[in-house]
Protein backbone atom coordinates (compact mmCIF):
# COMPACT_ATOMS: atom_id res chain seq x y z
CA MET A 1 14.56 10.68 -29.57
CA LYS A 2 15.63 8.60 -26.89
CA LEU A 3 16.06 9.35 -23.30
CA ASN A 4 19.91 9.42 -23.09
CA GLU A 5 20.18 11.05 -26.32
CA LEU A 6 17.96 14.27 -24.91
CA ILE A 7 19.94 14.12 -21.70
CA ALA A 8 23.19 14.57 -23.64
CA LYS A 9 21.57 17.15 -26.04
CA ARG A 10 20.43 19.06 -23.09
CA ALA A 11 24.04 19.16 -21.61
CA GLU A 12 25.65 19.91 -24.74
CA VAL A 13 22.86 23.05 -25.01
CA TRP A 14 23.71 23.90 -21.29
CA GLU A 15 27.61 24.00 -21.76
CA ALA A 16 26.91 26.23 -25.13
CA ALA A 17 24.83 28.55 -23.23
CA LYS A 18 27.52 28.70 -20.50
CA ALA A 19 30.33 29.54 -23.02
CA PHE A 20 28.01 32.19 -25.05
CA VAL A 21 27.41 34.36 -21.34
CA ASP A 22 31.28 33.71 -20.31
CA GLU A 23 32.07 35.21 -23.99
CA HIS A 24 29.80 37.92 -24.66
CA ALA A 25 29.01 39.46 -20.86
CA ARG A 26 30.39 42.69 -20.45
CA GLU A 27 32.32 43.97 -17.63
CA ASN A 28 29.15 44.32 -15.31
CA GLY A 29 28.14 40.89 -16.19
CA THR A 30 25.33 41.99 -18.27
CA LEU A 31 24.28 41.10 -21.92
CA SER A 32 23.46 43.27 -24.66
CA ALA A 33 19.86 42.84 -26.12
CA ASP A 34 20.75 40.82 -29.13
CA ASP A 35 22.83 38.77 -26.63
CA ALA A 36 20.36 38.17 -24.45
CA ALA A 37 17.95 37.51 -26.94
CA THR A 38 20.03 34.84 -28.13
CA TYR A 39 20.68 33.16 -24.84
CA ASP A 40 17.10 33.46 -23.89
CA LYS A 41 16.82 31.52 -27.10
CA MET A 42 19.06 28.65 -25.87
CA GLU A 43 17.41 28.60 -22.21
CA ALA A 44 14.04 28.29 -23.59
CA GLU A 45 15.66 25.15 -25.59
CA ILE A 46 17.09 23.82 -22.40
CA SER A 47 13.57 24.21 -20.70
CA ASP A 48 11.94 22.56 -23.73
CA LEU A 49 14.21 19.37 -23.50
CA THR A 50 14.09 19.53 -20.00
CA SER A 51 10.25 18.82 -20.03
CA ALA A 52 11.18 16.37 -23.40
CA ILE A 53 13.16 14.45 -20.52
CA ASP A 54 10.48 14.19 -17.86
CA ARG A 55 8.46 12.81 -20.65
CA ALA A 56 10.56 10.50 -21.89
CA ARG A 57 11.17 8.74 -18.45
CA ARG A 58 7.48 8.81 -17.73
CA ALA A 59 7.10 7.04 -20.93
CA GLU A 60 9.82 4.09 -19.92
CA GLU A 61 8.57 4.22 -16.42
CA LEU A 62 5.01 3.39 -18.01
CA ASP A 63 6.47 0.83 -20.77
CA ALA A 64 8.18 -1.16 -17.91
CA ARG A 65 5.11 -1.29 -15.92
CA LEU A 66 3.10 -2.70 -18.98
CA SER A 67 6.09 -4.94 -20.03
CA GLU A 68 5.94 -6.73 -16.62
CA PRO A 69 4.50 -10.41 -16.44
CA THR A 70 0.64 -10.53 -15.58
CA SER A 71 0.95 -14.24 -14.20
CA GLN A 72 3.97 -15.88 -12.48
CA PRO A 73 5.49 -19.14 -13.65
CA ILE A 74 4.80 -22.23 -11.95
CA ILE A 75 7.73 -23.14 -10.16
CA THR A 76 6.53 -25.45 -7.25
CA LYS A 77 5.88 -29.20 -7.38
CA PRO A 78 1.72 -29.72 -8.17
CA GLU A 79 1.30 -31.20 -5.05
CA ALA A 80 3.10 -28.57 -3.08
CA PRO A 81 0.15 -26.40 -1.23
CA VAL A 82 -0.71 -23.28 -2.79
CA ASP A 83 -0.56 -19.91 -0.74
CA VAL A 84 -3.81 -18.78 -1.03
CA LYS A 85 -4.88 -14.93 -0.63
CA LYS A 86 -7.40 -14.32 1.90
CA GLY A 87 -9.95 -11.58 2.83
CA ARG A 88 -9.85 -8.25 0.92
CA ALA A 89 -6.23 -9.57 -0.76
CA SER A 90 -8.01 -12.11 -2.96
CA ASP A 91 -8.93 -12.15 -6.63
CA GLU A 92 -12.77 -13.48 -5.59
CA TYR A 93 -13.07 -9.81 -3.31
CA ARG A 94 -11.07 -8.15 -5.99
CA GLN A 95 -13.61 -9.59 -8.71
CA ALA A 96 -16.81 -8.88 -6.48
CA ALA A 97 -15.75 -5.39 -6.28
CA LEU A 98 -15.31 -4.70 -9.86
CA ASN A 99 -18.52 -6.35 -10.36
CA ALA A 100 -20.18 -3.86 -7.86
CA LEU A 101 -18.82 -1.04 -9.27
CA ARG A 102 -19.88 -1.61 -12.83
CA THR A 103 -23.21 -2.91 -11.90
CA ASN A 104 -23.68 0.30 -9.74
CA PHE A 105 -23.85 -2.05 -6.75
CA ARG A 106 -26.97 -3.85 -7.63
CA GLN A 107 -24.91 -7.19 -7.56
CA ILE A 108 -23.22 -7.44 -4.50
CA SER A 109 -21.43 -10.49 -3.53
CA ASP A 110 -21.52 -12.01 -0.03
CA VAL A 111 -17.50 -11.86 0.13
CA LEU A 112 -17.98 -7.97 -0.08
CA THR A 113 -19.90 -7.75 3.43
CA GLU A 114 -16.11 -7.86 5.43
CA GLY A 115 -15.68 -4.47 3.28
CA ILE A 116 -18.68 -2.64 4.36
CA ASP A 117 -18.33 0.44 6.50
CA SER A 118 -20.42 2.50 8.72
CA ASP A 119 -21.21 4.78 5.67
CA GLY A 120 -22.20 1.99 3.16
CA GLY A 121 -18.73 2.70 1.46
CA TYR A 122 -16.87 -0.62 0.50
CA LEU A 123 -12.93 -1.07 1.52
CA VAL A 124 -10.73 -1.19 -1.83
CA PRO A 125 -8.93 -4.50 -2.49
CA ASP A 126 -5.46 -4.58 -0.93
CA GLU A 127 -4.25 -5.09 -4.35
CA TRP A 128 -5.92 -1.74 -5.51
CA ASP A 129 -5.05 -0.01 -2.34
CA LYS A 130 -1.52 -0.71 -2.97
CA ARG A 131 -1.15 0.52 -6.86
CA LEU A 132 -3.08 3.35 -5.29
CA ILE A 133 -0.23 4.28 -2.91
CA ASP A 134 2.45 3.27 -5.98
CA VAL A 135 0.59 6.12 -7.91
CA LEU A 136 1.12 8.62 -4.61
CA ASP A 137 4.46 7.68 -4.69
CA GLU A 138 5.51 8.30 -8.00
CA GLU A 139 3.34 11.78 -8.73
CA ASN A 140 4.20 12.98 -5.04
CA ILE A 141 7.60 14.19 -4.42
CA MET A 142 7.16 14.49 -0.63
CA ARG A 143 5.72 10.89 -0.12
CA GLY A 144 9.14 10.14 -1.50
CA ILE A 145 11.66 11.70 1.15
CA ALA A 146 9.42 12.07 3.92
CA THR A 147 8.96 9.72 6.95
CA LYS A 148 5.48 7.76 6.26
CA ILE A 149 3.75 6.57 9.47
CA LYS A 150 0.70 4.22 9.70
CA THR A 151 -1.33 5.30 12.43
CA SER A 152 -4.80 4.12 14.15
CA GLY A 153 -5.28 7.02 16.65
CA GLU A 154 -4.02 10.47 17.41
CA HIS A 155 -0.06 9.60 16.94
CA LYS A 156 2.28 11.36 19.33
CA ILE A 157 5.58 12.06 18.54
CA ASN A 158 8.43 12.69 21.60
CA ILE A 159 10.81 15.33 20.45
CA ALA A 160 13.89 16.19 22.88
CA ALA A 161 13.46 19.69 24.03
CA THR A 162 16.50 19.97 26.03
CA LYS A 163 19.56 17.74 26.00
CA PRO A 164 21.91 16.83 28.89
CA ALA A 165 25.03 18.53 28.78
CA ALA A 166 28.78 17.59 29.82
CA ALA A 167 30.57 19.39 32.84
CA TRP A 168 33.87 19.31 34.24
CA ILE A 169 34.34 18.91 38.25
CA GLU A 170 37.27 18.89 40.19
CA GLU A 171 38.01 15.57 41.92
CA GLY A 172 35.83 14.64 44.65
CA GLY A 173 33.23 17.40 43.58
CA ALA A 174 29.80 17.27 43.48
CA LEU A 175 27.87 15.77 40.65
CA THR A 176 25.57 18.44 38.90
CA PHE A 177 22.33 16.99 37.26
CA GLY A 178 20.30 18.65 34.32
CA ASP A 179 16.74 18.11 33.30
CA ALA A 180 15.93 16.16 29.95
CA THR A 181 12.69 17.28 28.58
CA PHE A 182 10.69 16.34 25.74
CA ASP A 183 8.36 17.88 23.96
CA GLN A 184 5.63 16.24 21.79
CA ILE A 185 4.09 16.81 18.28
CA ILE A 186 0.79 14.91 17.28
CA LEU A 187 -0.30 13.46 13.95
CA ASP A 188 -3.82 13.44 13.48
CA ALA A 189 -5.82 12.58 10.89
CA HIS A 190 -7.59 14.81 7.71
CA LYS A 191 -10.24 13.45 5.53
CA LEU A 192 -9.28 13.77 1.87
CA HIS A 193 -11.41 13.05 -1.09
CA VAL A 194 -11.98 13.35 -4.65
CA ALA A 195 -14.86 12.73 -6.51
CA VAL A 196 -15.53 11.75 -10.34
CA LYS A 197 -18.20 10.95 -12.55
CA VAL A 198 -18.48 7.96 -14.81
CA THR A 199 -21.21 7.29 -17.75
CA GLU A 200 -22.73 4.44 -17.57
CA GLU A 201 -21.82 3.31 -20.99
CA LEU A 202 -17.98 3.46 -19.95
CA LEU A 203 -19.21 1.99 -16.54
CA TYR A 204 -20.80 -1.28 -18.24
CA ASP A 205 -18.36 -1.54 -21.07
CA ASN A 206 -16.31 -4.40 -20.03
CA GLU A 207 -13.42 -3.75 -22.71
CA TYR A 208 -12.78 -0.45 -20.87
CA ASN A 209 -10.10 -0.93 -18.34
CA LEU A 210 -12.31 0.97 -15.57
CA GLU A 211 -10.13 -0.56 -12.96
CA GLY A 212 -7.00 1.46 -14.10
CA TYR A 213 -8.98 4.48 -14.76
CA LEU A 214 -10.28 4.94 -11.44
CA ILE A 215 -6.84 4.07 -9.77
CA ASN A 216 -4.80 6.59 -12.29
CA GLN A 217 -7.77 9.28 -12.00
CA PHE A 218 -8.03 9.13 -7.89
CA GLY A 219 -4.15 8.72 -7.45
CA LYS A 220 -3.20 11.85 -9.19
CA ALA A 221 -5.95 13.88 -7.79
CA ILE A 222 -5.25 12.88 -4.44
CA ALA A 223 -1.25 13.07 -4.69
CA ASN A 224 -1.71 16.45 -5.88
CA ALA A 225 -3.87 17.93 -2.93
CA GLU A 226 -1.61 15.92 -0.61
CA GLU A 227 1.64 17.48 -2.20
CA ASP A 228 -0.05 20.95 -1.91
CA ALA A 229 -0.87 20.58 1.77
CA PHE A 230 2.91 18.93 2.45
CA LEU A 231 4.29 21.81 1.27
CA ASN A 232 1.57 24.96 2.10
CA GLY A 233 -0.87 23.78 4.61
CA ASP A 234 -1.85 25.82 7.17
CA GLY A 235 -2.54 23.08 9.72
CA THR A 236 -6.22 23.85 9.96
CA GLY A 237 -8.33 20.82 8.76
CA LYS A 238 -5.30 19.95 6.40
CA PRO A 239 -1.61 19.00 7.24
CA THR A 240 0.96 21.68 7.94
CA GLY A 241 3.58 22.25 5.46
CA ILE A 242 7.37 22.94 5.23
CA PHE A 243 6.77 26.51 4.40
CA HIS A 244 4.48 27.31 6.94
CA ALA A 245 5.65 30.48 8.76
CA THR A 246 6.08 29.14 12.24
CA LYS A 247 5.43 25.71 12.17
CA GLY A 248 7.66 24.90 9.00
CA GLY A 249 11.10 25.13 8.30
CA GLN A 250 13.17 27.71 9.62
CA VAL A 251 14.32 30.77 7.58
CA GLY A 252 18.14 30.59 6.67
CA VAL A 253 18.25 33.35 4.37
CA THR A 254 16.42 36.15 3.42
CA THR A 255 17.60 37.70 0.59
CA GLY A 256 19.02 41.24 -0.26
CA ALA A 257 16.34 41.89 -3.12
CA ALA A 258 13.05 41.30 -3.59
CA ASP A 259 13.00 39.83 -6.97
CA ALA A 260 16.43 38.30 -7.27
CA ILE A 261 18.37 35.55 -6.01
CA THR A 262 21.98 35.35 -5.87
CA SER A 263 24.59 32.83 -5.76
CA ASP A 264 26.28 33.59 -2.48
CA GLU A 265 22.46 33.75 -1.19
CA ILE A 266 22.10 29.91 -1.94
CA ILE A 267 25.74 29.03 -0.54
CA ASP A 268 24.69 30.74 2.69
CA LEU A 269 21.28 29.14 2.17
CA VAL A 270 23.49 25.70 2.02
CA TYR A 271 25.42 26.50 5.07
CA SER A 272 22.99 27.63 7.08
CA LEU A 273 21.97 24.29 7.49
CA LYS A 274 23.88 22.36 10.16
CA ARG A 275 25.92 19.16 8.94
CA PRO A 276 24.71 16.54 10.11
CA TYR A 277 21.22 17.13 7.97
CA ARG A 278 23.20 18.45 4.84
CA LYS A 279 24.55 14.70 4.45
CA LYS A 280 20.76 13.86 2.77
CA ALA A 281 19.70 17.60 2.05
CA SER A 282 18.08 18.20 -0.99
CA PHE A 283 16.62 21.64 -2.79
CA ILE A 284 12.77 22.00 -3.41
CA LEU A 285 11.54 24.90 -5.54
CA ASN A 286 9.00 25.75 -8.36
CA ASP A 287 10.20 25.08 -11.87
CA ALA A 288 9.18 28.84 -12.55
CA THR A 289 12.24 29.66 -10.44
CA LEU A 290 14.54 27.75 -12.11
CA PRO A 291 15.65 30.07 -15.00
CA SER A 292 16.41 32.61 -12.31
CA ILE A 293 18.82 30.70 -10.81
CA ARG A 294 20.43 28.84 -14.07
CA LYS A 295 22.97 31.86 -14.68
CA LEU A 296 24.49 31.85 -11.22
CA LYS A 297 27.58 30.89 -10.33
CA ASP A 298 29.81 30.29 -7.40
CA ASN A 299 32.92 32.47 -6.05
CA ASN A 300 35.27 30.28 -8.15
CA GLY A 301 33.03 30.98 -11.69
CA ALA A 302 31.52 27.74 -11.92
CA TYR A 303 27.88 27.31 -12.53
CA LEU A 304 25.43 26.47 -9.62
CA TRP A 305 23.15 24.48 -11.56
CA GLN A 306 24.42 21.03 -13.23
CA PRO A 307 21.79 19.09 -15.32
CA ALA A 308 21.77 15.75 -14.99
CA LEU A 309 24.02 13.58 -17.03
CA THR A 310 22.66 9.83 -16.90
CA SER A 311 19.10 8.73 -17.19
CA GLY A 312 17.70 8.54 -13.40
CA GLU A 313 19.82 11.19 -12.05
CA PRO A 314 18.47 14.55 -10.47
CA ASP A 315 19.58 18.03 -11.80
CA ARG A 316 21.57 19.73 -8.85
CA LEU A 317 22.32 22.75 -7.46
CA PHE A 318 25.82 23.45 -5.59
CA GLY A 319 26.18 19.98 -5.71
CA TYR A 320 23.02 19.12 -4.09
CA PRO A 321 19.65 17.37 -6.12
CA ILE A 322 17.16 19.49 -6.67
CA ARG A 323 13.35 18.42 -6.64
CA THR A 324 10.54 20.95 -8.34
CA SER A 325 7.30 21.03 -7.78
CA ALA A 326 4.42 22.60 -9.06
CA PHE A 327 2.89 23.44 -5.37
CA ALA A 328 6.20 25.04 -4.09
CA PRO A 329 6.06 28.91 -3.65
CA GLU A 330 6.94 30.96 -7.05
CA LEU A 331 9.33 34.11 -6.18
CA ALA A 332 7.67 36.81 -4.94
CA ALA A 333 8.33 39.94 -2.62
CA GLY A 334 8.33 38.74 1.07
CA GLY A 335 7.75 34.85 0.55
CA PRO A 336 9.38 32.06 0.63
CA VAL A 337 10.72 30.56 -2.39
CA MET A 338 13.10 27.39 -1.96
CA ALA A 339 13.79 24.86 0.93
CA PHE A 340 16.88 22.99 1.48
CA GLY A 341 16.92 20.30 4.35
CA ASP A 342 16.53 16.74 5.18
CA TYR A 343 12.93 16.05 4.47
CA SER A 344 12.79 12.35 6.54
CA TYR A 345 11.88 14.78 9.41
CA TYR A 346 8.61 15.64 7.76
CA ASN A 347 6.41 12.82 9.13
CA ILE A 348 3.48 11.93 6.93
CA GLY A 349 0.76 9.98 9.09
CA ASP A 350 -1.77 7.66 7.19
CA ARG A 351 -4.93 6.66 9.05
CA GLY A 352 -6.58 3.24 7.74
CA SER A 353 -7.16 2.12 4.54
CA ARG A 354 -8.77 4.43 1.43
CA SER A 355 -12.03 3.54 0.29
CA PHE A 356 -14.46 3.95 -2.53
CA THR A 357 -18.33 4.93 -2.40
CA THR A 358 -20.47 5.43 -4.87
CA LEU A 359 -23.10 7.99 -5.52
CA LYS A 360 -26.26 6.16 -6.72
CA GLU A 361 -29.12 8.54 -7.51
CA LEU A 362 -27.50 12.10 -7.76
CA PHE A 363 -26.45 12.02 -11.67
CA ALA A 364 -28.78 9.32 -12.63
CA GLY A 365 -30.86 11.88 -14.38
CA ASN A 366 -27.91 12.53 -16.80
CA GLY A 367 -26.83 8.96 -17.34
CA MET A 368 -24.01 9.21 -15.07
CA ILE A 369 -22.64 7.46 -11.76
CA GLY A 370 -20.34 9.07 -9.43
CA PHE A 371 -17.58 7.74 -7.25
CA VAL A 372 -15.92 9.15 -4.15
CA ALA A 373 -12.12 7.79 -2.60
CA LYS A 374 -11.44 9.01 0.49
CA GLU A 375 -8.23 8.89 2.79
CA ARG A 376 -7.18 10.48 6.41
CA VAL A 377 -3.87 11.69 6.50
CA ASP A 378 -1.94 14.18 8.38
CA GLY A 379 1.47 15.42 7.95
CA ILE A 380 4.11 17.75 10.10
CA LEU A 381 7.81 18.96 10.23
CA VAL A 382 8.79 17.37 13.62
CA LEU A 383 12.27 18.93 13.46
CA PRO A 384 12.04 22.77 12.25
CA GLU A 385 15.89 22.94 12.29
CA ALA A 386 16.32 20.09 9.58
CA ILE A 387 15.02 22.08 6.80
CA LYS A 388 16.08 25.76 6.03
CA ILE A 389 14.20 28.16 4.04
CA MET A 390 15.06 31.13 1.56
CA LYS A 391 13.11 33.93 2.21
CA MET A 392 12.69 36.51 -0.48
CA LYS A 393 13.08 40.54 0.84
CA ALA A 394 10.31 42.31 1.51
CA GLY A 395 8.99 45.27 -0.77
CA LYS A 396 8.06 45.77 -4.30
CA ALA A 397 10.56 44.55 -7.08
CA ALA A 398 12.91 46.90 -9.10
CA ASN A 399 11.87 48.41 -12.08
CA ASN A 400 13.76 47.03 -14.92
CA GLY A 401 12.46 48.75 -17.48
């Protein structure tokens, strides 16, 4: 089934599920055991269709990338000068780096000397580094919505702590001067690495796409570790996440129950965020939280959750885009469960280029070779009021048995 057909099918099942609840709900809003079982099957089908839609979207994106031309047509005159890539962007450096990987760094071309660092590593060719960033953008939701900064040292961000206020004065009266003060937030650099082992046979097999394998495996692993830190990091040896208790977003709503969210609480969360930030705001929550809010309605009886009806559009909650992450906190008493805000105020600082190193002897006895990718990155929310957090009530969950 094609992507648009899957989207249409999910919308059809969702409308049927809403109609079923409206028709069978008792006066207190509950369902009988049989009706609840029927609705659960509908909800399971919606979840299965959502997973299928995500797979189909990824397949379309991959198909589009694989269909891109591998070379550019010649459109200039033969006598026109050719734009030759130099340094780490050159094809010569790219091929030399790949040859070095396949020969366990026994064959090192002179062109690689510009990529050698003090630890014996080899800088990734520019085109490789760009493609690694591409993987991060696709896999990491925070990199797509945060502000990314290239840093070369300790990066200081100025934040207005107090702002001047206007005051009425009598004609001829004396002026009053206030002080405009500024705080500073510092983006540092924390080291993140991923290591993989590759068999010698795999490494030396020229038919295998070693380059693509390494880029994708390193990129996905780094993206997962980054996203976990951008959401939950404590700032010690890693970035500070948006759900951090004191340096993350501000608590906008605390639920009235330890194990349930109401529609009014979501509305309160939306309006706890100042209007200017709501223009680009979206929700971030865990996939496991969605089933608990799909049946919620606003005060007018309209469902808050709105599935995407066209390809490329996100699902929405109360009219705002929903972004889900496996690393967002799950629903638990006393903990944060959902963020709503403008995430462009979360700054990600990338320090320098990523690098590859090789572990030549560690796995030699097993016929394997290790490779390590490293990066230095930091992240912090520079304006806490730009993101509001929903926090669950502390205490034990109610016993529904």
